[in-house]
Structures are given as structure tokens and as C-alpha cells.
Amino acid sequence: MRKIRRGDDVIVIAGKDKGRRGTVLRVVAKGRKVVVEGINIVKKHQKPNPLLGRTGGIIELEKPIDISNVMLFNPATQKGDRVGFKMLEDGRKVRYFKSNGEVVDT
């Protein structure tokens, strides 16, 4: 079970996009990196490939950032928050915010 998953709302805590928020699009590199919507945008010079129907030019891509540089966003406190795991009475393992104990997963 991962602390940060696809679809989570995160805030960047380090790097050129520090302080910006976005949604996790995917987790890559065996859970060590995440691609966040609108974060770590780079420009790539791309050659045209007529076989794939791809035009050439300069495109903008969202590149992965290390998972240690993002925190799960807590809507109650409007800040990034640490995440822990606990077992509920019905036997489910859920994530919760460390600051206020609120359960993340529903």
C-alpha cells in the first residue's frame, strides 16, 4: 500500500514548483516517482514521425518528480500533511492524516 496514489491531490514541497498543487496522474519507477498534473513541465524538441502520425516541433511534457518532494494535501488544514496507516474495526487498512487523524480513504 502506498502513501501517495493516482488521483490524490498533492502539494509540492521542494524544487522549482514548490508550493504548487496538482493531481497525481500516475506513479512510476516502482513507486519512487510521481507525475503530477501541471507540475515539472519541460520543453522537448520532437522530430516528426509520419508513420506514427506525429508532427515535429517543441512540445511540453509533464515529467516525473520524486515522491519525497510532494505531500498529500489536507483540505481541512489547507496544507500538506503526513500520512499514516491504521486498521479500522471492519478490518480495512486505510490512510489517515497525522495532524488531525482524519481518514483519507473512504
N, C-alpha and C. Protein backbone atom coordinates (compact mmCIF):
# COMPACT_ATOMS: atom_id res chain seq x y z
N MET A 1 0.84 -1.18 0.00
CA MET A 1 0.00 0.00 0.00
C MET A 1 0.89 1.25 0.00
N ARG A 2 0.54 2.21 -0.85
CA ARG A 2 1.36 3.41 -0.99
C ARG A 2 0.73 4.59 -0.26
N LYS A 3 1.60 5.50 0.18
CA LYS A 3 1.11 6.70 0.86
C LYS A 3 0.51 7.68 -0.14
N ILE A 4 1.04 7.72 -1.37
CA ILE A 4 0.51 8.60 -2.41
C ILE A 4 0.11 7.75 -3.59
N ARG A 5 -1.12 7.93 -4.07
CA ARG A 5 -1.67 7.12 -5.15
C ARG A 5 -2.18 8.00 -6.28
N ARG A 6 -2.52 7.36 -7.39
CA ARG A 6 -3.09 8.07 -8.53
C ARG A 6 -4.42 8.71 -8.12
N GLY A 7 -4.60 9.97 -8.52
CA GLY A 7 -5.83 10.69 -8.20
C GLY A 7 -5.75 11.52 -6.93
N ASP A 8 -4.69 11.39 -6.15
CA ASP A 8 -4.54 12.17 -4.92
C ASP A 8 -4.21 13.62 -5.25
N ASP A 9 -4.68 14.53 -4.41
CA ASP A 9 -4.34 15.94 -4.52
C ASP A 9 -3.10 16.17 -3.67
N VAL A 10 -2.01 16.64 -4.30
CA VAL A 10 -0.74 16.81 -3.59
C VAL A 10 -0.25 18.24 -3.73
N ILE A 11 0.67 18.61 -2.83
CA ILE A 11 1.34 19.90 -2.88
C ILE A 11 2.84 19.65 -2.95
N VAL A 12 3.54 20.41 -3.79
CA VAL A 12 4.98 20.24 -3.98
C VAL A 12 5.69 20.98 -2.86
N ILE A 13 6.64 20.30 -2.20
CA ILE A 13 7.33 20.90 -1.06
C ILE A 13 8.79 21.24 -1.37
N ALA A 14 9.29 20.85 -2.54
CA ALA A 14 10.68 21.15 -2.91
C ALA A 14 10.80 21.21 -4.42
N GLY A 15 11.74 22.03 -4.88
CA GLY A 15 12.00 22.13 -6.31
C GLY A 15 11.47 23.41 -6.92
N LYS A 16 11.52 23.48 -8.24
CA LYS A 16 11.14 24.72 -8.93
C LYS A 16 9.64 25.03 -8.83
N ASP A 17 8.83 24.03 -8.57
CA ASP A 17 7.38 24.23 -8.46
C ASP A 17 6.90 24.21 -7.02
N LYS A 18 7.78 24.54 -6.07
CA LYS A 18 7.44 24.49 -4.65
C LYS A 18 6.21 25.35 -4.35
N GLY A 19 5.26 24.77 -3.59
CA GLY A 19 4.06 25.48 -3.20
C GLY A 19 2.88 25.29 -4.14
N ARG A 20 3.09 24.67 -5.29
CA ARG A 20 2.00 24.48 -6.25
C ARG A 20 1.29 23.16 -5.96
N ARG A 21 0.00 23.13 -6.32
CA ARG A 21 -0.82 21.93 -6.10
C ARG A 21 -1.18 21.29 -7.42
N GLY A 22 -1.43 19.99 -7.37
CA GLY A 22 -1.87 19.27 -8.56
C GLY A 22 -2.36 17.89 -8.19
N THR A 23 -2.88 17.20 -9.19
CA THR A 23 -3.40 15.85 -9.00
C THR A 23 -2.39 14.85 -9.57
N VAL A 24 -2.18 13.75 -8.86
CA VAL A 24 -1.26 12.72 -9.31
C VAL A 24 -1.89 11.99 -10.50
N LEU A 25 -1.18 12.01 -11.64
CA LEU A 25 -1.67 11.32 -12.83
C LEU A 25 -1.26 9.86 -12.84
N ARG A 26 -0.02 9.59 -12.41
CA ARG A 26 0.44 8.20 -12.32
C ARG A 26 1.67 8.11 -11.44
N VAL A 27 1.89 6.90 -10.91
CA VAL A 27 3.06 6.60 -10.09
C VAL A 27 3.98 5.75 -10.95
N VAL A 28 5.25 6.17 -11.07
CA VAL A 28 6.20 5.46 -11.93
C VAL A 28 7.43 5.07 -11.13
N ALA A 29 8.30 4.32 -11.78
CA ALA A 29 9.59 3.89 -11.22
C ALA A 29 9.42 3.15 -9.90
N LYS A 30 8.53 2.15 -9.90
CA LYS A 30 8.29 1.30 -8.73
C LYS A 30 7.93 2.09 -7.49
N GLY A 31 7.11 3.13 -7.68
CA GLY A 31 6.60 3.89 -6.54
C GLY A 31 7.52 4.96 -6.02
N ARG A 32 8.63 5.25 -6.70
CA ARG A 32 9.57 6.27 -6.22
C ARG A 32 9.33 7.64 -6.83
N LYS A 33 8.61 7.70 -7.95
CA LYS A 33 8.35 8.97 -8.61
C LYS A 33 6.88 9.09 -8.97
N VAL A 34 6.41 10.33 -9.08
CA VAL A 34 5.03 10.58 -9.46
C VAL A 34 4.99 11.64 -10.55
N VAL A 35 3.99 11.52 -11.43
CA VAL A 35 3.73 12.55 -12.43
C VAL A 35 2.51 13.32 -11.94
N VAL A 36 2.69 14.64 -11.75
CA VAL A 36 1.64 15.48 -11.21
C VAL A 36 1.17 16.44 -12.30
N GLU A 37 -0.14 16.59 -12.40
CA GLU A 37 -0.74 17.44 -13.42
C GLU A 37 -0.29 18.89 -13.27
N GLY A 38 0.34 19.44 -14.32
CA GLY A 38 0.76 20.83 -14.34
C GLY A 38 2.05 21.13 -13.60
N ILE A 39 2.74 20.10 -13.11
CA ILE A 39 3.98 20.28 -12.34
C ILE A 39 5.15 19.68 -13.12
N ASN A 40 6.32 20.32 -13.02
CA ASN A 40 7.56 19.88 -13.67
C ASN A 40 7.38 19.79 -15.18
N ILE A 41 6.89 20.87 -15.77
CA ILE A 41 6.69 20.95 -17.21
C ILE A 41 8.04 21.23 -17.86
N VAL A 42 8.41 20.42 -18.86
CA VAL A 42 9.64 20.63 -19.62
C VAL A 42 9.30 20.73 -21.10
N LYS A 43 10.18 21.40 -21.85
CA LYS A 43 10.00 21.51 -23.29
C LYS A 43 10.90 20.49 -23.95
N LYS A 44 10.33 19.74 -24.89
CA LYS A 44 11.07 18.70 -25.59
C LYS A 44 11.01 18.97 -27.08
N HIS A 45 12.17 18.90 -27.73
CA HIS A 45 12.24 19.06 -29.18
C HIS A 45 11.99 17.69 -29.80
N GLN A 46 10.93 17.59 -30.57
CA GLN A 46 10.49 16.30 -31.10
C GLN A 46 10.58 16.28 -32.62
N LYS A 47 11.17 15.21 -33.14
CA LYS A 47 11.25 15.04 -34.59
C LYS A 47 9.92 14.52 -35.12
N PRO A 48 9.56 14.90 -36.33
CA PRO A 48 8.32 14.35 -36.89
C PRO A 48 8.49 12.88 -37.26
N ASN A 49 7.41 12.12 -37.10
CA ASN A 49 7.40 10.71 -37.49
C ASN A 49 6.09 10.44 -38.23
N PRO A 50 6.15 10.43 -39.58
CA PRO A 50 4.92 10.25 -40.34
C PRO A 50 4.27 8.88 -40.14
N LEU A 51 5.06 7.87 -39.79
CA LEU A 51 4.50 6.53 -39.58
C LEU A 51 3.58 6.50 -38.35
N LEU A 52 3.93 7.29 -37.34
CA LEU A 52 3.11 7.35 -36.14
C LEU A 52 2.13 8.52 -36.17
N GLY A 53 2.20 9.33 -37.23
CA GLY A 53 1.31 10.47 -37.34
C GLY A 53 1.67 11.58 -36.37
N ARG A 54 2.95 11.70 -36.05
CA ARG A 54 3.41 12.68 -35.06
C ARG A 54 4.08 13.85 -35.78
N THR A 55 3.66 15.05 -35.45
CA THR A 55 4.28 16.23 -36.05
C THR A 55 5.50 16.64 -35.23
N GLY A 56 6.41 17.33 -35.88
CA GLY A 56 7.61 17.79 -35.21
C GLY A 56 7.37 19.12 -34.53
N GLY A 57 8.31 19.53 -33.70
CA GLY A 57 8.22 20.82 -33.04
C GLY A 57 8.59 20.71 -31.57
N ILE A 58 8.32 21.77 -30.86
CA ILE A 58 8.62 21.82 -29.43
C ILE A 58 7.33 21.53 -28.67
N ILE A 59 7.34 20.47 -27.88
CA ILE A 59 6.16 20.09 -27.10
C ILE A 59 6.47 20.23 -25.61
N GLU A 60 5.42 20.39 -24.82
CA GLU A 60 5.59 20.48 -23.37
C GLU A 60 5.10 19.19 -22.73
N LEU A 61 5.93 18.63 -21.85
CA LEU A 61 5.63 17.36 -21.18
C LEU A 61 5.66 17.54 -19.67
N GLU A 62 4.90 16.71 -18.98
CA GLU A 62 4.98 16.64 -17.52
C GLU A 62 5.90 15.48 -17.18
N LYS A 63 7.02 15.78 -16.57
CA LYS A 63 8.00 14.76 -16.21
C LYS A 63 7.80 14.33 -14.76
N PRO A 64 8.24 13.14 -14.40
CA PRO A 64 8.09 12.66 -13.02
C PRO A 64 8.96 13.46 -12.04
N ILE A 65 8.47 13.60 -10.82
CA ILE A 65 9.28 14.15 -9.73
C ILE A 65 9.32 13.12 -8.60
N ASP A 66 10.33 13.22 -7.77
CA ASP A 66 10.49 12.25 -6.69
C ASP A 66 9.34 12.37 -5.70
N ILE A 67 8.92 11.23 -5.20
CA ILE A 67 7.76 11.18 -4.30
C ILE A 67 8.06 11.88 -2.98
N SER A 68 9.34 12.03 -2.64
CA SER A 68 9.70 12.72 -1.39
C SER A 68 9.51 14.22 -1.50
N ASN A 69 9.32 14.73 -2.71
CA ASN A 69 9.14 16.17 -2.92
C ASN A 69 7.68 16.60 -2.94
N VAL A 70 6.75 15.68 -2.66
CA VAL A 70 5.33 16.02 -2.60
C VAL A 70 4.74 15.53 -1.29
N MET A 71 3.68 16.23 -0.84
CA MET A 71 2.93 15.81 0.34
C MET A 71 1.46 15.78 -0.03
N LEU A 72 0.74 14.88 0.58
CA LEU A 72 -0.70 14.81 0.38
C LEU A 72 -1.34 16.07 0.94
N PHE A 73 -2.25 16.68 0.17
CA PHE A 73 -2.89 17.93 0.58
C PHE A 73 -4.08 17.63 1.47
N ASN A 74 -4.10 18.27 2.64
CA ASN A 74 -5.19 18.10 3.60
C ASN A 74 -6.17 19.26 3.43
N PRO A 75 -7.39 19.00 2.94
CA PRO A 75 -8.34 20.09 2.73
C PRO A 75 -8.81 20.76 4.02
N ALA A 76 -8.74 20.06 5.15
CA ALA A 76 -9.19 20.64 6.41
C ALA A 76 -8.22 21.73 6.89
N THR A 77 -6.92 21.51 6.73
CA THR A 77 -5.93 22.47 7.19
C THR A 77 -5.39 23.35 6.06
N GLN A 78 -5.72 23.02 4.81
CA GLN A 78 -5.24 23.73 3.63
C GLN A 78 -3.72 23.71 3.54
N LYS A 79 -3.09 22.59 3.98
CA LYS A 79 -1.64 22.43 3.92
C LYS A 79 -1.31 21.00 3.54
N GLY A 80 -0.04 20.77 3.25
CA GLY A 80 0.44 19.42 3.05
C GLY A 80 0.50 18.71 4.38
N ASP A 81 0.27 17.39 4.37
CA ASP A 81 0.22 16.66 5.63
C ASP A 81 0.88 15.30 5.48
N ARG A 82 1.43 14.83 6.59
CA ARG A 82 1.99 13.48 6.61
C ARG A 82 0.86 12.46 6.68
N VAL A 83 1.16 11.25 6.19
CA VAL A 83 0.14 10.22 6.10
C VAL A 83 0.60 8.99 6.85
N GLY A 84 -0.33 8.37 7.57
CA GLY A 84 -0.06 7.11 8.25
C GLY A 84 -1.11 6.08 7.87
N PHE A 85 -0.93 4.87 8.35
CA PHE A 85 -1.87 3.78 8.07
C PHE A 85 -2.43 3.27 9.38
N LYS A 86 -3.72 2.89 9.36
CA LYS A 86 -4.32 2.25 10.52
C LYS A 86 -5.40 1.29 10.05
N MET A 87 -5.72 0.35 10.92
CA MET A 87 -6.75 -0.65 10.61
C MET A 87 -8.06 -0.19 11.25
N LEU A 88 -9.14 -0.29 10.49
CA LEU A 88 -10.46 0.03 11.01
C LEU A 88 -11.06 -1.20 11.68
N GLU A 89 -12.21 -1.00 12.33
CA GLU A 89 -12.86 -2.11 13.04
C GLU A 89 -13.30 -3.21 12.09
N ASP A 90 -13.65 -2.83 10.85
CA ASP A 90 -14.09 -3.85 9.88
C ASP A 90 -12.94 -4.55 9.18
N GLY A 91 -11.69 -4.25 9.58
CA GLY A 91 -10.53 -4.95 9.04
C GLY A 91 -9.87 -4.28 7.85
N ARG A 92 -10.40 -3.13 7.41
CA ARG A 92 -9.79 -2.43 6.27
C ARG A 92 -8.58 -1.61 6.74
N LYS A 93 -7.54 -1.58 5.88
CA LYS A 93 -6.37 -0.76 6.14
C LYS A 93 -6.55 0.55 5.38
N VAL A 94 -6.53 1.68 6.09
CA VAL A 94 -6.78 2.97 5.46
C VAL A 94 -5.66 3.96 5.79
N ARG A 95 -5.57 4.99 4.95
CA ARG A 95 -4.63 6.08 5.20
C ARG A 95 -5.33 7.15 6.02
N TYR A 96 -4.56 7.84 6.87
CA TYR A 96 -5.13 8.93 7.64
C TYR A 96 -4.09 10.05 7.76
N PHE A 97 -4.57 11.28 7.95
CA PHE A 97 -3.70 12.43 8.14
C PHE A 97 -3.17 12.42 9.56
N LYS A 98 -1.87 12.64 9.72
CA LYS A 98 -1.25 12.59 11.04
C LYS A 98 -1.64 13.79 11.91
N SER A 99 -1.94 14.95 11.27
CA SER A 99 -2.21 16.15 12.07
C SER A 99 -3.55 16.10 12.78
N ASN A 100 -4.61 15.64 12.08
CA ASN A 100 -5.93 15.64 12.71
C ASN A 100 -6.58 14.27 12.79
N GLY A 101 -5.91 13.22 12.30
CA GLY A 101 -6.45 11.87 12.41
C GLY A 101 -7.56 11.55 11.45
N GLU A 102 -7.87 12.46 10.53
CA GLU A 102 -8.96 12.25 9.57
C GLU A 102 -8.57 11.20 8.54
N VAL A 103 -9.50 10.31 8.21
CA VAL A 103 -9.23 9.22 7.26
C VAL A 103 -9.27 9.78 5.83
N VAL A 104 -8.25 9.42 5.04
CA VAL A 104 -8.15 9.88 3.66
C VAL A 104 -9.03 9.04 2.76
N ASP A 105 -8.94 7.72 2.87
CA ASP A 105 -9.70 6.79 2.02
C ASP A 105 -11.13 6.67 2.53
N THR A 106 -12.05 6.55 1.60
CA THR A 106 -13.44 6.38 2.01
C THR A 106 -13.96 5.02 1.61
